[in-house]
């Protein structure tokens, strides 16, 4: 909640505004690695051979 002067209780208590949360998270949390490349699929092997009827 903010007062008429647009300050929060934390700002009044600590004497300054808190740092932006999203920017702080970007600085502290490591980015995930790039996704690995997909391997090429092996061709399907047909286990049933066609037979003449």
N, C-alpha and C. Protein backbone atom coordinates (compact mmCIF):
# COMPACT_ATOMS: atom_id res chain seq x y z
N UNK A 1 0.84 -1.17 0.00
CA UNK A 1 0.00 0.00 0.00
C UNK A 1 0.89 1.23 0.00
N UNK A 2 0.40 2.24 -0.65
CA UNK A 2 1.14 3.49 -0.75
C UNK A 2 0.37 4.61 -0.08
N UNK A 3 1.11 5.53 0.47
CA UNK A 3 0.52 6.72 1.07
C UNK A 3 0.27 7.76 -0.01
N UNK A 4 -0.25 8.90 0.40
CA UNK A 4 -0.51 9.99 -0.55
C UNK A 4 0.78 10.47 -1.20
N UNK A 5 1.93 10.35 -0.51
CA UNK A 5 3.21 10.77 -1.10
C UNK A 5 3.83 9.68 -1.96
N UNK A 6 3.07 8.60 -2.24
CA UNK A 6 3.48 7.49 -3.10
C UNK A 6 4.66 6.69 -2.57
N UNK A 7 4.86 6.62 -1.25
CA UNK A 7 5.91 5.80 -0.65
C UNK A 7 5.27 4.62 0.06
N UNK A 8 6.02 3.52 0.11
CA UNK A 8 5.55 2.34 0.82
C UNK A 8 6.16 2.32 2.21
N UNK A 9 5.72 1.40 3.05
CA UNK A 9 6.25 1.29 4.40
C UNK A 9 7.73 0.92 4.36
N UNK A 10 8.12 0.06 3.44
CA UNK A 10 9.52 -0.34 3.32
C UNK A 10 10.40 0.84 2.91
N UNK A 11 9.91 1.68 2.02
CA UNK A 11 10.67 2.86 1.60
C UNK A 11 10.86 3.83 2.78
N UNK A 12 9.84 3.99 3.56
CA UNK A 12 9.96 4.90 4.71
C UNK A 12 10.87 4.30 5.78
N UNK A 13 10.81 2.98 5.97
CA UNK A 13 11.63 2.35 7.00
C UNK A 13 13.11 2.35 6.62
N UNK A 14 13.43 1.95 5.39
CA UNK A 14 14.82 1.85 4.96
C UNK A 14 15.38 3.16 4.40
N UNK A 15 14.53 4.10 4.11
CA UNK A 15 14.99 5.38 3.62
C UNK A 15 15.25 5.42 2.12
N UNK A 16 14.94 4.35 1.43
CA UNK A 16 15.11 4.32 -0.03
C UNK A 16 14.16 3.28 -0.62
N UNK A 17 13.97 3.38 -1.92
CA UNK A 17 13.09 2.43 -2.60
C UNK A 17 13.82 1.10 -2.80
N UNK A 18 13.12 -0.03 -2.74
CA UNK A 18 13.78 -1.32 -2.99
C UNK A 18 14.17 -1.42 -4.46
N UNK A 19 15.20 -2.21 -4.76
CA UNK A 19 15.59 -2.37 -6.18
C UNK A 19 14.49 -3.12 -6.93
N UNK A 20 14.38 -2.89 -8.22
CA UNK A 20 13.37 -3.61 -9.01
C UNK A 20 13.60 -5.12 -8.93
N UNK A 21 12.57 -5.86 -8.61
CA UNK A 21 12.69 -7.30 -8.39
C UNK A 21 13.13 -8.05 -9.64
N UNK A 22 12.55 -7.73 -10.79
CA UNK A 22 12.88 -8.46 -12.01
C UNK A 22 14.34 -8.26 -12.39
N UNK A 23 14.84 -7.04 -12.31
CA UNK A 23 16.24 -6.77 -12.64
C UNK A 23 17.17 -7.47 -11.66
N UNK A 24 16.79 -7.51 -10.40
CA UNK A 24 17.60 -8.18 -9.39
C UNK A 24 17.66 -9.69 -9.67
N UNK A 25 16.56 -10.27 -10.09
CA UNK A 25 16.54 -11.70 -10.43
C UNK A 25 17.42 -11.98 -11.64
N UNK A 26 17.38 -11.10 -12.64
CA UNK A 26 18.20 -11.30 -13.82
C UNK A 26 19.69 -11.28 -13.48
N UNK A 27 20.08 -10.47 -12.51
CA UNK A 27 21.48 -10.39 -12.11
C UNK A 27 21.92 -11.63 -11.34
N UNK A 28 21.04 -12.23 -10.56
CA UNK A 28 21.43 -13.30 -9.65
C UNK A 28 21.18 -14.71 -10.15
N UNK A 29 20.18 -14.90 -10.98
CA UNK A 29 19.82 -16.24 -11.44
C UNK A 29 20.55 -16.51 -12.75
N UNK A 30 21.31 -17.61 -12.83
CA UNK A 30 22.00 -17.90 -14.10
C UNK A 30 21.00 -18.31 -15.18
N UNK A 31 21.32 -17.93 -16.40
CA UNK A 31 20.45 -18.29 -17.51
C UNK A 31 20.63 -19.77 -17.83
N UNK A 32 19.59 -20.45 -18.27
CA UNK A 32 19.73 -21.87 -18.61
C UNK A 32 20.58 -22.03 -19.86
N UNK A 33 21.22 -23.19 -20.03
CA UNK A 33 22.03 -23.41 -21.22
C UNK A 33 21.14 -23.54 -22.46
N UNK A 34 21.77 -23.41 -23.61
CA UNK A 34 21.03 -23.58 -24.86
C UNK A 34 20.54 -25.01 -24.98
N UNK A 35 19.41 -25.23 -25.62
CA UNK A 35 18.94 -26.60 -25.81
C UNK A 35 19.90 -27.35 -26.73
N UNK A 36 20.04 -28.64 -26.47
CA UNK A 36 20.95 -29.43 -27.30
C UNK A 36 20.34 -29.67 -28.66
N UNK A 37 21.20 -29.94 -29.62
CA UNK A 37 20.72 -30.22 -30.97
C UNK A 37 20.09 -31.61 -31.01
N UNK A 38 19.07 -31.72 -31.80
CA UNK A 38 18.42 -33.03 -31.94
C UNK A 38 19.22 -33.90 -32.88
N UNK A 39 19.29 -35.17 -32.54
CA UNK A 39 19.96 -36.13 -33.43
C UNK A 39 19.04 -36.49 -34.58
N UNK A 40 19.62 -36.82 -35.71
CA UNK A 40 18.81 -37.26 -36.85
C UNK A 40 18.22 -38.63 -36.51
N UNK A 41 17.00 -38.82 -36.89
CA UNK A 41 16.34 -40.10 -36.62
C UNK A 41 16.90 -41.18 -37.52
N UNK A 42 17.05 -42.35 -36.97
CA UNK A 42 17.48 -43.51 -37.77
C UNK A 42 16.31 -43.95 -38.63
N UNK A 43 16.58 -44.39 -39.83
CA UNK A 43 15.48 -44.85 -40.69
C UNK A 43 14.78 -46.07 -40.07
N UNK A 44 13.49 -46.13 -40.25
CA UNK A 44 12.73 -47.26 -39.71
C UNK A 44 13.03 -48.53 -40.49
N UNK A 45 13.21 -49.60 -39.78
CA UNK A 45 13.48 -50.90 -40.41
C UNK A 45 12.18 -51.67 -40.45
N UNK A 46 11.88 -52.17 -41.62
CA UNK A 46 10.66 -52.94 -41.79
C UNK A 46 10.93 -54.38 -41.39
N UNK A 47 10.25 -54.86 -40.39
CA UNK A 47 10.45 -56.23 -39.92
C UNK A 47 9.54 -57.21 -40.67
N UNK A 48 8.53 -56.69 -41.31
CA UNK A 48 7.62 -57.55 -42.08
C UNK A 48 7.99 -57.41 -43.55
N UNK A 49 8.29 -58.52 -44.18
CA UNK A 49 8.61 -58.45 -45.60
C UNK A 49 7.33 -58.78 -46.39
N UNK A 50 7.13 -58.08 -47.48
CA UNK A 50 5.91 -58.35 -48.28
C UNK A 50 6.01 -59.75 -48.91
N UNK A 51 4.89 -60.45 -48.89
CA UNK A 51 4.86 -61.81 -49.46
C UNK A 51 3.81 -61.86 -50.55
N UNK A 52 4.09 -62.65 -51.56
CA UNK A 52 3.11 -62.83 -52.63
C UNK A 52 2.06 -63.82 -52.14
N UNK A 53 0.83 -63.51 -52.44
CA UNK A 53 -0.24 -64.37 -51.97
C UNK A 53 -0.60 -65.46 -52.91
